[in-house]
Structure formats: C-alpha cells, structure tokens
Amino acid sequence: MSIEDQDFIMRQIKLLAKGIGALMDINSLKELLFMEFSVEDELSDHEVESLIYMARVEDLIDRDVLTNEELETYLGVSSNRINQFTTNSDIPTEIELEKLKQLVDEKMYWD
C-alpha cells in the first residue's frame, strides 16, 4: 500500500472513531474498521488501537475536557511528539498507548 493510501485510510479511521466510534466499544469498532477498510493485513492491531485512542483524545481536546498541555504532562512527552500522533507521522509506543487508554477511560464518560 502506498504512503498516500495508508494516510488516507488512517484519516478515515480517525473520522470513524470520532463519529460512530464514540458509541461503540473498542472491539466492535475494530471489527467495523477491518470490515469497512479491509486493513487487517496493512495495519497492525496496535496501529488501529493507536488511531482510535488518539481520535478519542482529540475529541476530548475539542470538547475542552482536556488540554494539549495536560496531555503532554500525562504522557510525559513533548508537544512535538503529540503532533506526530495527530498528524499520523508516528504512532504511540506500547507504554504511551496504555497511558492513552487510561486517560480516555478516566475522562471520556465522566467529564
């Protein structure tokens, strides 16, 4: 798959995760994404989860539940690293993804 195709798919996954994905659990959303985009061979489970959780974090930021500075502090990373996640130029490490999951679990439905 070309870089342009992968970038397009990653953007579409994020849009879907922000929209209908907010109403679905992670496993159902992953199944839908794999059916919709047939990405099982192109994207790893880790990459898909990273996209989903970054989309959810971006939604928290858009809704003023979380700031970029709070996200940087929570993850212990720089604003440049956060920018890499949001522009799909890199994905979170396993540790960063676990922190994203915890953050979303804490903030998503209570704030």
PDB file of N, CA and C in Angstrom:
ATOM      1  N   MET A   1       0.849  -1.165   0.000  1.00  0.00           N
ATOM      2  CA  MET A   1       0.000   0.000   0.000  1.00  0.00           C
ATOM      3  C   MET A   1       0.897   1.231   0.000  1.00  0.00           C
ATOM      4  N   SER A   2       0.560   2.197  -0.819  1.00  0.00           N
ATOM      5  CA  SER A   2       1.360   3.414  -0.894  1.00  0.00           C
ATOM      6  C   SER A   2       1.166   4.258   0.366  1.00  0.00           C
ATOM      7  N   ILE A   3       2.081   5.168   0.590  1.00  0.00           N
ATOM      8  CA  ILE A   3       2.001   6.050   1.760  1.00  0.00           C
ATOM      9  C   ILE A   3       0.738   6.899   1.699  1.00  0.00           C
ATOM     10  N   GLU A   4       0.387   7.358   0.505  1.00  0.00           N
ATOM     11  CA  GLU A   4      -0.815   8.179   0.352  1.00  0.00           C
ATOM     12  C   GLU A   4      -2.071   7.386   0.710  1.00  0.00           C
ATOM     13  N   ASP A   5      -2.123   6.125   0.268  1.00  0.00           N
ATOM     14  CA  ASP A   5      -3.272   5.281   0.587  1.00  0.00           C
ATOM     15  C   ASP A   5      -3.364   5.027   2.083  1.00  0.00           C
ATOM     16  N   GLN A   6      -2.222   4.739   2.695  1.00  0.00           N
ATOM     17  CA  GLN A   6      -2.223   4.471   4.128  1.00  0.00           C
ATOM     18  C   GLN A   6      -2.627   5.716   4.907  1.00  0.00           C
ATOM     19  N   ASP A   7      -2.141   6.885   4.507  1.00  0.00           N
ATOM     20  CA  ASP A   7      -2.503   8.126   5.180  1.00  0.00           C
ATOM     21  C   ASP A   7      -4.000   8.385   5.050  1.00  0.00           C
ATOM     22  N   PHE A   8      -4.553   8.141   3.861  1.00  0.00           N
ATOM     23  CA  PHE A   8      -5.992   8.320   3.650  1.00  0.00           C
ATOM     24  C   PHE A   8      -6.783   7.387   4.570  1.00  0.00           C
ATOM     25  N   ILE A   9      -6.384   6.135   4.629  1.00  0.00           N
ATOM     26  CA  ILE A   9      -7.087   5.165   5.474  1.00  0.00           C
ATOM     27  C   ILE A   9      -6.983   5.564   6.942  1.00  0.00           C
ATOM     28  N   MET A  10      -5.813   6.010   7.359  1.00  0.00           N
ATOM     29  CA  MET A  10      -5.638   6.423   8.757  1.00  0.00           C
ATOM     30  C   MET A  10      -6.538   7.608   9.093  1.00  0.00           C
ATOM     31  N   ARG A  11      -6.653   8.565   8.168  1.00  0.00           N
ATOM     32  CA  ARG A  11      -7.552   9.709   8.403  1.00  0.00           C
ATOM     33  C   ARG A  11      -9.005   9.252   8.480  1.00  0.00           C
ATOM     34  N   GLN A  12      -9.389   8.313   7.616  1.00  0.00           N
ATOM     35  CA  GLN A  12     -10.760   7.799   7.627  1.00  0.00           C
ATOM     36  C   GLN A  12     -11.056   7.045   8.914  1.00  0.00           C
ATOM     37  N   ILE A  13     -10.094   6.277   9.388  1.00  0.00           N
ATOM     38  CA  ILE A  13     -10.265   5.551  10.644  1.00  0.00           C
ATOM     39  C   ILE A  13     -10.476   6.537  11.782  1.00  0.00           C
ATOM     40  N   LYS A  14      -9.688   7.599  11.811  1.00  0.00           N
ATOM     41  CA  LYS A  14      -9.845   8.601  12.862  1.00  0.00           C
ATOM     42  C   LYS A  14     -11.225   9.250  12.806  1.00  0.00           C
ATOM     43  N   LEU A  15     -11.683   9.579  11.600  1.00  0.00           N
ATOM     44  CA  LEU A  15     -13.012  10.189  11.463  1.00  0.00           C
ATOM     45  C   LEU A  15     -14.103   9.241  11.956  1.00  0.00           C
ATOM     46  N   LEU A  16     -13.992   7.986  11.588  1.00  0.00           N
ATOM     47  CA  LEU A  16     -14.969   6.997  12.022  1.00  0.00           C
ATOM     48  C   LEU A  16     -14.909   6.816  13.530  1.00  0.00           C
ATOM     49  N   ALA A  17     -13.715   6.781  14.085  1.00  0.00           N
ATOM     50  CA  ALA A  17     -13.559   6.618  15.530  1.00  0.00           C
ATOM     51  C   ALA A  17     -14.132   7.808  16.289  1.00  0.00           C
ATOM     52  N   LYS A  18     -14.019   9.003  15.723  1.00  0.00           N
ATOM     53  CA  LYS A  18     -14.577  10.188  16.376  1.00  0.00           C
ATOM     54  C   LYS A  18     -16.099  10.217  16.277  1.00  0.00           C
ATOM     55  N   GLY A  19     -16.624   9.710  15.183  1.00  0.00           N
ATOM     56  CA  GLY A  19     -18.069   9.742  14.975  1.00  0.00           C
ATOM     57  C   GLY A  19     -18.761   8.590  15.664  1.00  0.00           C
ATOM     58  N   ILE A  20     -19.068   7.579  14.900  1.00  0.00           N
ATOM     59  CA  ILE A  20     -19.800   6.432  15.426  1.00  0.00           C
ATOM     60  C   ILE A  20     -18.997   5.671  16.469  1.00  0.00           C
ATOM     61  N   GLY A  21     -17.675   5.771  16.393  1.00  0.00           N
ATOM     62  CA  GLY A  21     -16.818   5.058  17.327  1.00  0.00           C
ATOM     63  C   GLY A  21     -17.010   5.455  18.773  1.00  0.00           C
ATOM     64  N   ALA A  22     -17.492   6.666  19.000  1.00  0.00           N
ATOM     65  CA  ALA A  22     -17.740   7.105  20.370  1.00  0.00           C
ATOM     66  C   ALA A  22     -18.867   6.313  21.016  1.00  0.00           C
ATOM     67  N   LEU A  23     -19.706   5.709  20.191  1.00  0.00           N
ATOM     68  CA  LEU A  23     -20.840   4.944  20.707  1.00  0.00           C
ATOM     69  C   LEU A  23     -20.555   3.448  20.801  1.00  0.00           C
ATOM     70  N   MET A  24     -19.386   3.027  20.335  1.00  0.00           N
ATOM     71  CA  MET A  24     -19.073   1.604  20.271  1.00  0.00           C
ATOM     72  C   MET A  24     -17.912   1.270  21.198  1.00  0.00           C
ATOM     73  N   ASP A  25     -17.869   0.016  21.645  1.00  0.00           N
ATOM     74  CA  ASP A  25     -16.697  -0.395  22.398  1.00  0.00           C
ATOM     75  C   ASP A  25     -15.552  -0.643  21.428  1.00  0.00           C
ATOM     76  N   ILE A  26     -14.360  -0.753  21.959  1.00  0.00           N
ATOM     77  CA  ILE A  26     -13.163  -0.823  21.120  1.00  0.00           C
ATOM     78  C   ILE A  26     -13.164  -2.038  20.200  1.00  0.00           C
ATOM     79  N   ASN A  27     -13.610  -3.184  20.685  1.00  0.00           N
ATOM     80  CA  ASN A  27     -13.591  -4.397  19.859  1.00  0.00           C
ATOM     81  C   ASN A  27     -14.587  -4.306  18.699  1.00  0.00           C
ATOM     82  N   SER A  28     -15.761  -3.780  18.968  1.00  0.00           N
ATOM     83  CA  SER A  28     -16.754  -3.616  17.900  1.00  0.00           C
ATOM     84  C   SER A  28     -16.259  -2.634  16.851  1.00  0.00           C
ATOM     85  N   LEU A  29     -15.631  -1.561  17.314  1.00  0.00           N
ATOM     86  CA  LEU A  29     -15.107  -0.562  16.388  1.00  0.00           C
ATOM     87  C   LEU A  29     -13.993  -1.156  15.530  1.00  0.00           C
ATOM     88  N   LYS A  30     -13.111  -1.932  16.133  1.00  0.00           N
ATOM     89  CA  LYS A  30     -12.036  -2.557  15.362  1.00  0.00           C
ATOM     90  C   LYS A  30     -12.604  -3.518  14.318  1.00  0.00           C
ATOM     91  N   GLU A  31     -13.604  -4.292  14.686  1.00  0.00           N
ATOM     92  CA  GLU A  31     -14.233  -5.204  13.722  1.00  0.00           C
ATOM     93  C   GLU A  31     -14.838  -4.428  12.554  1.00  0.00           C
ATOM     94  N   LEU A  32     -15.539  -3.331  12.871  1.00  0.00           N
ATOM     95  CA  LEU A  32     -16.122  -2.498  11.824  1.00  0.00           C
ATOM     96  C   LEU A  32     -15.051  -1.924  10.902  1.00  0.00           C
ATOM     97  N   LEU A  33     -13.967  -1.456  11.479  1.00  0.00           N
ATOM     98  CA  LEU A  33     -12.885  -0.895  10.677  1.00  0.00           C
ATOM     99  C   LEU A  33     -12.264  -1.938   9.763  1.00  0.00           C
ATOM    100  N   PHE A  34     -12.072  -3.134  10.290  1.00  0.00           N
ATOM    101  CA  PHE A  34     -11.478  -4.183   9.470  1.00  0.00           C
ATOM    102  C   PHE A  34     -12.417  -4.573   8.327  1.00  0.00           C
ATOM    103  N   MET A  35     -13.727  -4.574   8.596  1.00  0.00           N
ATOM    104  CA  MET A  35     -14.678  -4.884   7.522  1.00  0.00           C
ATOM    105  C   MET A  35     -14.761  -3.746   6.515  1.00  0.00           C
ATOM    106  N   GLU A  36     -14.837  -2.522   7.020  1.00  0.00           N
ATOM    107  CA  GLU A  36     -15.016  -1.346   6.154  1.00  0.00           C
ATOM    108  C   GLU A  36     -13.804  -1.078   5.278  1.00  0.00           C
ATOM    109  N   PHE A  37     -12.613  -1.166   5.855  1.00  0.00           N
ATOM    110  CA  PHE A  37     -11.409  -0.770   5.135  1.00  0.00           C
ATOM    111  C   PHE A  37     -10.514  -1.941   4.743  1.00  0.00           C
ATOM    112  N   SER A  38     -10.849  -3.138   5.175  1.00  0.00           N
ATOM    113  CA  SER A  38     -10.036  -4.330   4.867  1.00  0.00           C
ATOM    114  C   SER A  38      -8.565  -4.080   5.154  1.00  0.00           C
ATOM    115  N   VAL A  39      -8.284  -3.603   6.349  1.00  0.00           N
ATOM    116  CA  VAL A  39      -6.923  -3.211   6.692  1.00  0.00           C
ATOM    117  C   VAL A  39      -6.190  -4.232   7.553  1.00  0.00           C
ATOM    118  N   GLU A  40      -6.766  -5.398   7.746  1.00  0.00           N
ATOM    119  CA  GLU A  40      -6.137  -6.377   8.631  1.00  0.00           C
ATOM    120  C   GLU A  40      -4.695  -6.669   8.247  1.00  0.00           C
ATOM    121  N   ASP A  41      -4.400  -6.725   6.967  1.00  0.00           N
ATOM    122  CA  ASP A  41      -3.046  -7.035   6.531  1.00  0.00           C
ATOM    123  C   ASP A  41      -2.143  -5.811   6.495  1.00  0.00           C
ATOM    124  N   GLU A  42      -2.715  -4.621   6.328  1.00  0.00           N
ATOM    125  CA  GLU A  42      -1.912  -3.420   6.182  1.00  0.00           C
ATOM    126  C   GLU A  42      -1.580  -2.740   7.502  1.00  0.00           C
ATOM    127  N   LEU A  43      -2.501  -2.781   8.451  1.00  0.00           N
ATOM    128  CA  LEU A  43      -2.298  -2.112   9.737  1.00  0.00           C
ATOM    129  C   LEU A  43      -2.370  -3.130  10.868  1.00  0.00           C
ATOM    130  N   SER A  44      -1.460  -3.016  11.800  1.00  0.00           N
ATOM    131  CA  SER A  44      -1.463  -3.918  12.944  1.00  0.00           C
ATOM    132  C   SER A  44      -2.556  -3.514  13.931  1.00  0.00           C
ATOM    133  N   ASP A  45      -2.863  -4.423  14.813  1.00  0.00           N
ATOM    134  CA  ASP A  45      -3.837  -4.157  15.864  1.00  0.00           C
ATOM    135  C   ASP A  45      -3.393  -2.945  16.685  1.00  0.00           C
ATOM    136  N   HIS A  46      -2.105  -2.860  16.972  1.00  0.00           N
ATOM    137  CA  HIS A  46      -1.555  -1.739  17.740  1.00  0.00           C
ATOM    138  C   HIS A  46      -1.774  -0.416  17.004  1.00  0.00           C
ATOM    139  N   GLU A  47      -1.551  -0.405  15.688  1.00  0.00           N
ATOM    140  CA  GLU A  47      -1.745   0.818  14.916  1.00  0.00           C
ATOM    141  C   GLU A  47      -3.203   1.247  14.920  1.00  0.00           C
ATOM    142  N   VAL A  48      -4.109   0.290  14.767  1.00  0.00           N
ATOM    143  CA  VAL A  48      -5.538   0.615  14.766  1.00  0.00           C
ATOM    144  C   VAL A  48      -5.960   1.140  16.138  1.00  0.00           C
ATOM    145  N   GLU A  49      -5.541   0.474  17.198  1.00  0.00           N
ATOM    146  CA  GLU A  49      -5.874   0.952  18.547  1.00  0.00           C
ATOM    147  C   GLU A  49      -5.303   2.340  18.786  1.00  0.00           C
ATOM    148  N   SER A  50      -4.085   2.581  18.320  1.00  0.00           N
ATOM    149  CA  SER A  50      -3.468   3.898  18.488  1.00  0.00           C
ATOM    150  C   SER A  50      -4.294   4.981  17.800  1.00  0.00           C
ATOM    151  N   LEU A  51      -4.741   4.707  16.586  1.00  0.00           N
ATOM    152  CA  LEU A  51      -5.568   5.669  15.857  1.00  0.00           C
ATOM    153  C   LEU A  51      -6.882   5.931  16.572  1.00  0.00           C
ATOM    154  N   ILE A  52      -7.502   4.865  17.051  1.00  0.00           N
ATOM    155  CA  ILE A  52      -8.784   5.007  17.742  1.00  0.00           C
ATOM    156  C   ILE A  52      -8.623   5.838  19.007  1.00  0.00           C
ATOM    157  N   TYR A  53      -7.624   5.511  19.812  1.00  0.00           N
ATOM    158  CA  TYR A  53      -7.460   6.243  21.067  1.00  0.00           C
ATOM    159  C   TYR A  53      -6.993   7.674  20.848  1.00  0.00           C
ATOM    160  N   MET A  54      -6.183   7.921  19.837  1.00  0.00           N
ATOM    161  CA  MET A  54      -5.815   9.308  19.548  1.00  0.00           C
ATOM    162  C   MET A  54      -7.032  10.091  19.071  1.00  0.00           C
ATOM    163  N   ALA A  55      -7.895   9.465  18.309  1.00  0.00           N
ATOM    164  CA  ALA A  55      -9.122  10.142  17.873  1.00  0.00           C
ATOM    165  C   ALA A  55      -9.982  10.492  19.083  1.00  0.00           C
ATOM    166  N   ARG A  56     -10.055   9.578  20.032  1.00  0.00           N
ATOM    167  CA  ARG A  56     -10.847   9.848  21.236  1.00  0.00           C
ATOM    168  C   ARG A  56     -10.215  10.945  22.075  1.00  0.00           C
ATOM    169  N   VAL A  57      -8.899  10.967  22.163  1.00  0.00           N
ATOM    170  CA  VAL A  57      -8.209  12.029  22.897  1.00  0.00           C
ATOM    171  C   VAL A  57      -8.415  13.368  22.195  1.00  0.00           C
ATOM    172  N   GLU A  58      -8.312  13.383  20.869  1.00  0.00           N
ATOM    173  CA  GLU A  58      -8.556  14.617  20.122  1.00  0.00           C
ATOM    174  C   GLU A  58      -9.975  15.119  20.348  1.00  0.00           C
ATOM    175  N   ASP A  59     -10.924  14.206  20.465  1.00  0.00           N
ATOM    176  CA  ASP A  59     -12.303  14.595  20.757  1.00  0.00           C
ATOM    177  C   ASP A  59     -12.400  15.227  22.143  1.00  0.00           C
ATOM    178  N   LEU A  60     -11.686  14.685  23.112  1.00  0.00           N
ATOM    179  CA  LEU A  60     -11.667  15.275  24.451  1.00  0.00           C
ATOM    180  C   LEU A  60     -11.086  16.686  24.411  1.00  0.00           C
ATOM    181  N   ILE A  61     -10.050  16.873  23.610  1.00  0.00           N
ATOM    182  CA  ILE A  61      -9.445  18.200  23.476  1.00  0.00           C
ATOM    183  C   ILE A  61     -10.422  19.148  22.786  1.00  0.00           C
ATOM    184  N   ASP A  62     -11.080  18.676  21.737  1.00  0.00           N
ATOM    185  CA  ASP A  62     -12.066  19.502  21.022  1.00  0.00           C
ATOM    186  C   ASP A  62     -13.215  19.921  21.927  1.00  0.00           C
ATOM    187  N   ARG A  63     -13.596  19.062  22.866  1.00  0.00           N
ATOM    188  CA  ARG A  63     -14.708  19.365  23.771  1.00  0.00           C
ATOM    189  C   ARG A  63     -14.252  20.105  25.025  1.00  0.00           C
ATOM    190  N   ASP A  64     -12.988  20.538  25.059  1.00  0.00           N
ATOM    191  CA  ASP A  64     -12.420  21.271  26.191  1.00  0.00           C
ATOM    192  C   ASP A  64     -12.448  20.479  27.497  1.00  0.00           C
ATOM    193  N   VAL A  65     -12.385  19.161  27.382  1.00  0.00           N
ATOM    194  CA  VAL A  65     -12.295  18.301  28.566  1.00  0.00           C
ATOM    195  C   VAL A  65     -10.827  18.115  28.940  1.00  0.00           C
ATOM    196  N   LEU A  66      -9.961  18.293  27.953  1.00  0.00           N
ATOM    197  CA  LEU A  66      -8.530  18.057  28.108  1.00  0.00           C
ATOM    198  C   LEU A  66      -7.787  19.102  27.284  1.00  0.00           C
ATOM    199  N   THR A  67      -6.650  19.548  27.784  1.00  0.00           N
ATOM    200  CA  THR A  67      -5.813  20.472  27.006  1.00  0.00           C
ATOM    201  C   THR A  67      -4.598  19.722  26.470  1.00  0.00           C
ATOM    202  N   ASN A  68      -3.979  20.308  25.466  1.00  0.00           N
ATOM    203  CA  ASN A  68      -2.753  19.717  24.931  1.00  0.00           C
ATOM    204  C   ASN A  68      -1.673  19.634  26.002  1.00  0.00           C
ATOM    205  N   GLU A  69      -1.605  20.647  26.846  1.00  0.00           N
ATOM    206  CA  GLU A  69      -0.598  20.667  27.905  1.00  0.00           C
ATOM    207  C   GLU A  69      -0.847  19.537  28.903  1.00  0.00           C
ATOM    208  N   GLU A  70      -2.110  19.306  29.254  1.00  0.00           N
ATOM    209  CA  GLU A  70      -2.431  18.205  30.161  1.00  0.00           C
ATOM    210  C   GLU A  70      -2.069  16.858  29.528  1.00  0.00           C
ATOM    211  N   LEU A  71      -2.314  16.735  28.230  1.00  0.00           N
ATOM    212  CA  LEU A  71      -1.971  15.504  27.526  1.00  0.00           C
ATOM    213  C   LEU A  71      -0.462  15.280  27.534  1.00  0.00           C
ATOM    214  N   GLU A  72       0.293  16.325  27.257  1.00  0.00           N
ATOM    215  CA  GLU A  72       1.749  16.222  27.274  1.00  0.00           C
ATOM    216  C   GLU A  72       2.245  15.780  28.655  1.00  0.00           C
ATOM    217  N   THR A  73       1.697  16.401  29.694  1.00  0.00           N
ATOM    218  CA  THR A  73       2.096  16.067  31.053  1.00  0.00           C
ATOM    219  C   THR A  73       1.714  14.635  31.398  1.00  0.00           C
ATOM    220  N   TYR A  74       0.501  14.243  31.053  1.00  0.00           N
ATOM    221  CA  TYR A  74       0.007  12.901  31.359  1.00  0.00           C
ATOM    222  C   TYR A  74       0.874  11.834  30.696  1.00  0.00           C
ATOM    223  N   LEU A  75       1.233  12.054  29.431  1.00  0.00           N
ATOM    224  CA  LEU A  75       2.049  11.082  28.705  1.00  0.00           C
ATOM    225  C   LEU A  75       3.538  11.237  28.984  1.00  0.00           C
ATOM    226  N   GLY A  76       3.929  12.409  29.482  1.00  0.00           N
ATOM    227  CA  GLY A  76       5.342  12.674  29.727  1.00  0.00           C
ATOM    228  C   GLY A  76       6.128  12.844  28.437  1.00  0.00           C
ATOM    229  N   VAL A  77       5.484  13.484  27.440  1.00  0.00           N
ATOM    230  CA  VAL A  77       6.123  13.688  26.139  1.00  0.00           C
ATOM    231  C   VAL A  77       6.033  15.162  25.745  1.00  0.00           C
ATOM    232  N   SER A  78       6.775  15.514  24.705  1.00  0.00           N
ATOM    233  CA  SER A  78       6.781  16.898  24.223  1.00  0.00           C
ATOM    234  C   SER A  78       5.601  17.163  23.293  1.00  0.00           C
ATOM    235  N   SER A  79       5.367  18.443  23.036  1.00  0.00           N
ATOM    236  CA  SER A  79       4.306  18.815  22.094  1.00  0.00           C
ATOM    237  C   SER A  79       4.632  18.300  20.690  1.00  0.00           C
ATOM    238  N   ASN A  80       5.920  18.199  20.362  1.00  0.00           N
ATOM    239  CA  ASN A  80       6.325  17.650  19.070  1.00  0.00           C
ATOM    240  C   ASN A  80       5.878  16.194  18.940  1.00  0.00           C
ATOM    241  N   ARG A  81       6.012  15.439  20.014  1.00  0.00           N
ATOM    242  CA  ARG A  81       5.601  14.028  19.989  1.00  0.00           C
ATOM    243  C   ARG A  81       4.084  13.930  19.812  1.00  0.00           C
ATOM    244  N   ILE A  82       3.342  14.761  20.504  1.00  0.00           N
ATOM    245  CA  ILE A  82       1.880  14.780  20.358  1.00  0.00           C
ATOM    246  C   ILE A  82       1.521  15.113  18.913  1.00  0.00           C
ATOM    247  N   ASN A  83       2.228  16.069  18.328  1.00  0.00           N
ATOM    248  CA  ASN A  83       1.991  16.446  16.939  1.00  0.00           C
ATOM    249  C   ASN A  83       2.225  15.263  15.996  1.00  0.00           C
ATOM    250  N   GLN A  84       3.212  14.444  16.279  1.00  0.00           N
ATOM    251  CA  GLN A  84       3.465  13.256  15.459  1.00  0.00           C
ATOM    252  C   GLN A  84       2.262  12.312  15.491  1.00  0.00           C
ATOM    253  N   PHE A  85       1.641  12.183  16.654  1.00  0.00           N
ATOM    254  CA  PHE A  85       0.460  11.311  16.767  1.00  0.00           C
ATOM    255  C   PHE A  85      -0.711  11.871  15.971  1.00  0.00           C
ATOM    256  N   THR A  86      -0.942  13.167  16.110  1.00  0.00           N
ATOM    257  CA  THR A  86      -2.124  13.765  15.481  1.00  0.00           C
ATOM    258  C   THR A  86      -1.993  13.886  13.968  1.00  0.00           C
ATOM    259  N   THR A  87      -0.772  13.919  13.472  1.00  0.00           N
ATOM    260  CA  THR A  87      -0.571  14.004  12.023  1.00  0.00           C
ATOM    261  C   THR A  87      -0.294  12.639  11.389  1.00  0.00           C
ATOM    262  N   ASN A  88      -0.394  11.596  12.184  1.00  0.00           N
ATOM    263  CA  ASN A  88      -0.168  10.216  11.716  1.00  0.00           C
ATOM    264  C   ASN A  88       1.247   9.967  11.221  1.00  0.00           C
ATOM    265  N   SER A  89       2.217  10.802  11.625  1.00  0.00           N
ATOM    266  CA  SER A  89       3.593  10.551  11.206  1.00  0.00           C
ATOM    267  C   SER A  89       4.285   9.538  12.101  1.00  0.00           C
ATOM    268  N   ASP A  90       3.685   9.255  13.249  1.00  0.00           N
ATOM    269  CA  ASP A  90       4.186   8.210  14.143  1.00  0.00           C
ATOM    270  C   ASP A  90       3.027   7.757  15.018  1.00  0.00           C
ATOM    271  N   ILE A  91       3.168   6.574  15.580  1.00  0.00           N
ATOM    272  CA  ILE A  91       2.137   6.070  16.476  1.00  0.00           C
ATOM    273  C   ILE A  91       2.723   5.930  17.876  1.00  0.00           C
ATOM    274  N   PRO A  92       1.862   5.937  18.886  1.00  0.00           N
ATOM    275  CA  PRO A  92       2.352   5.792  20.256  1.00  0.00           C
ATOM    276  C   PRO A  92       3.038   4.442  20.481  1.00  0.00           C
ATOM    277  N   THR A  93       4.009   4.466  21.385  1.00  0.00           N
ATOM    278  CA  THR A  93       4.628   3.215  21.813  1.00  0.00           C
ATOM    279  C   THR A  93       3.607   2.438  22.643  1.00  0.00           C
ATOM    280  N   GLU A  94       3.940   1.224  23.013  1.00  0.00           N
ATOM    281  CA  GLU A  94       3.044   0.417  23.862  1.00  0.00           C
ATOM    282  C   GLU A  94       2.734   1.142  25.167  1.00  0.00           C
ATOM    283  N   ILE A  95       3.753   1.727  25.781  1.00  0.00           N
ATOM    284  CA  ILE A  95       3.569   2.434  27.056  1.00  0.00           C
ATOM    285  C   ILE A  95       2.695   3.666  26.855  1.00  0.00           C
ATOM    286  N   GLU A  96       2.959   4.424  25.794  1.00  0.00           N
ATOM    287  CA  GLU A  96       2.148   5.614  25.510  1.00  0.00           C
ATOM    288  C   GLU A  96       0.704   5.228  25.216  1.00  0.00           C
ATOM    289  N   LEU A  97       0.503   4.130  24.492  1.00  0.00           N
ATOM    290  CA  LEU A  97      -0.855   3.677  24.186  1.00  0.00           C
ATOM    291  C   LEU A  97      -1.587   3.281  25.460  1.00  0.00           C
ATOM    292  N   GLU A  98      -0.921   2.601  26.358  1.00  0.00           N
ATOM    293  CA  GLU A  98      -1.556   2.228  27.629  1.00  0.00           C
ATOM    294  C   GLU A  98      -1.972   3.468  28.411  1.00  0.00           C
ATOM    295  N   LYS A  99      -1.115   4.491  28.405  1.00  0.00           N
ATOM    296  CA  LYS A  99      -1.458   5.747  29.083  1.00  0.00           C
ATOM    297  C   LYS A  99      -2.649   6.425  28.403  1.00  0.00           C
ATOM    298  N   LEU A 100      -2.688   6.379  27.062  1.00  0.00           N
ATOM    299  CA  LEU A 100      -3.830   6.951  26.337  1.00  0.00           C
ATOM    300  C   LEU A 100      -5.117   6.234  26.717  1.00  0.00           C
ATOM    301  N   LYS A 101      -5.055   4.917  26.806  1.00  0.00           N
ATOM    302  CA  LYS A 101      -6.233   4.133  27.182  1.00  0.00           C
ATOM    303  C   LYS A 101      -6.718   4.527  28.570  1.00  0.00           C
ATOM    304  N   GLN A 102      -5.786   4.661  29.512  1.00  0.00           N
ATOM    305  CA  GLN A 102      -6.155   5.054  30.873  1.00  0.00           C
ATOM    306  C   GLN A 102      -6.772   6.442  30.883  1.00  0.00           C
ATOM    307  N   LEU A 103      -6.180   7.348  30.128  1.00  0.00           N
ATOM    308  CA  LEU A 103      -6.677   8.715  30.071  1.00  0.00           C
ATOM    309  C   LEU A 103      -8.093   8.760  29.513  1.00  0.00           C
ATOM    310  N   VAL A 104      -8.323   8.044  28.437  1.00  0.00           N
ATOM    311  CA  VAL A 104      -9.658   8.021  27.837  1.00  0.00           C
ATOM    312  C   VAL A 104     -10.658   7.395  28.807  1.00  0.00           C
ATOM    313  N   ASP A 105     -10.277   6.311  29.468  1.00  0.00           N
ATOM    314  CA  ASP A 105     -11.167   5.677  30.446  1.00  0.00           C
ATOM    315  C   ASP A 105     -11.514   6.637  31.578  1.00  0.00           C
ATOM    316  N   GLU A 106     -10.562   7.442  32.010  1.00  0.00           N
ATOM    317  CA  GLU A 106     -10.796   8.395  33.093  1.00  0.00           C
ATOM    318  C   GLU A 106     -11.677   9.558  32.669  1.00  0.00           C
ATOM    319  N   LYS A 107     -11.468  10.069  31.463  1.00  0.00           N
ATOM    320  CA  LYS A 107     -12.107  11.317  31.041  1.00  0.00           C
ATOM    321  C   LYS A 107     -13.323  11.154  30.147  1.00  0.00           C
ATOM    322  N   MET A 108     -13.397  10.099  29.378  1.00  0.00           N
ATOM    323  CA  MET A 108     -14.376  10.011  28.291  1.00  0.00           C
ATOM    324  C   MET A 108     -15.817  10.186  28.760  1.00  0.00           C
ATOM    325  N   TYR A 109     -16.202   9.495  29.784  1.00  0.00           N
ATOM    326  CA  TYR A 109     -17.618   9.490  30.130  1.00  0.00           C
ATOM    327  C   TYR A 109     -17.939  10.252  31.413  1.00  0.00           C
ATOM    328  N   TRP A 110     -16.928  10.778  32.070  1.00  0.00           N
ATOM    329  CA  TRP A 110     -17.188  11.420  33.353  1.00  0.00           C
ATOM    330  C   TRP A 110     -17.086  12.934  33.300  1.00  0.00           C
ATOM    331  N   ASP A 111     -16.400  13.483  32.316  1.00  0.00           N
ATOM    332  CA  ASP A 111     -16.256  14.953  32.238  1.00  0.00           C
ATOM    333  C   ASP A 111     -17.245  15.555  31.294  1.00  0.00           C
TER     334      ASP A 111
END
